[in-house]
């Protein structure tokens, strides 16, 4: 794997970790729609990378 592929993979991993961290926010009325959106993004990410 060359350096650009490694950088791309590292960027994707950081993005995924950020999504997971956002899911840990408090479950109040103003965050429920955001949480649902993030859950959908995480599911799509996992499907795309066959995890």
Protein backbone atom coordinates (compact mmCIF):
# COMPACT_ATOMS: atom_id res chain seq x y z
CA UNK A 1 0.00 0.00 0.00
CA UNK A 2 1.52 3.33 -0.98
CA UNK A 3 1.47 6.48 1.11
CA UNK A 4 -1.58 8.09 -0.55
CA UNK A 5 -3.67 4.95 0.06
CA UNK A 6 -2.53 4.88 3.68
CA UNK A 7 -3.44 8.56 4.10
CA UNK A 8 -6.85 7.94 2.54
CA UNK A 9 -7.48 4.97 4.82
CA UNK A 10 -6.40 6.98 7.86
CA UNK A 11 -8.74 9.82 6.88
CA UNK A 12 -11.65 7.42 6.47
CA UNK A 13 -10.89 5.83 9.84
CA UNK A 14 -10.83 9.24 11.53
CA UNK A 15 -14.15 10.13 9.85
CA UNK A 16 -15.74 6.89 11.03
CA UNK A 17 -14.42 7.38 14.58
CA UNK A 18 -15.86 10.89 14.56
CA UNK A 19 -19.28 9.55 13.57
CA UNK A 20 -19.17 7.02 16.39
CA UNK A 21 -18.17 9.72 18.90
CA UNK A 22 -21.13 11.86 17.79
CA UNK A 23 -23.47 8.97 18.53
CA UNK A 24 -22.47 9.23 22.19
CA UNK A 25 -23.99 12.71 22.64
CA UNK A 26 -26.87 13.09 25.06
CA UNK A 27 -30.19 11.84 23.79
CA UNK A 28 -32.23 15.04 24.05
CA UNK A 29 -34.96 16.28 21.74
CA UNK A 30 -32.65 18.42 19.58
CA UNK A 31 -30.13 15.64 18.97
CA UNK A 32 -32.48 12.79 18.07
CA UNK A 33 -32.68 13.65 14.36
CA UNK A 34 -28.89 14.17 14.23
CA UNK A 35 -28.35 10.81 15.92
CA UNK A 36 -30.61 9.09 13.39
CA UNK A 37 -28.72 10.73 10.52
CA UNK A 38 -25.38 9.59 11.96
CA UNK A 39 -26.69 6.05 12.51
CA UNK A 40 -27.67 5.90 8.84
CA UNK A 41 -24.22 7.18 7.81
CA UNK A 42 -22.49 4.58 9.98
CA UNK A 43 -24.63 1.77 8.50
CA UNK A 44 -23.84 2.93 4.97
CA UNK A 45 -20.14 3.14 5.83
CA UNK A 46 -20.15 -0.41 7.18
CA UNK A 47 -21.99 -1.72 4.12
CA UNK A 48 -19.59 0.07 1.76
CA UNK A 49 -16.54 -1.42 3.45
CA UNK A 50 -18.18 -4.85 3.92
CA UNK A 51 -17.66 -4.79 7.67
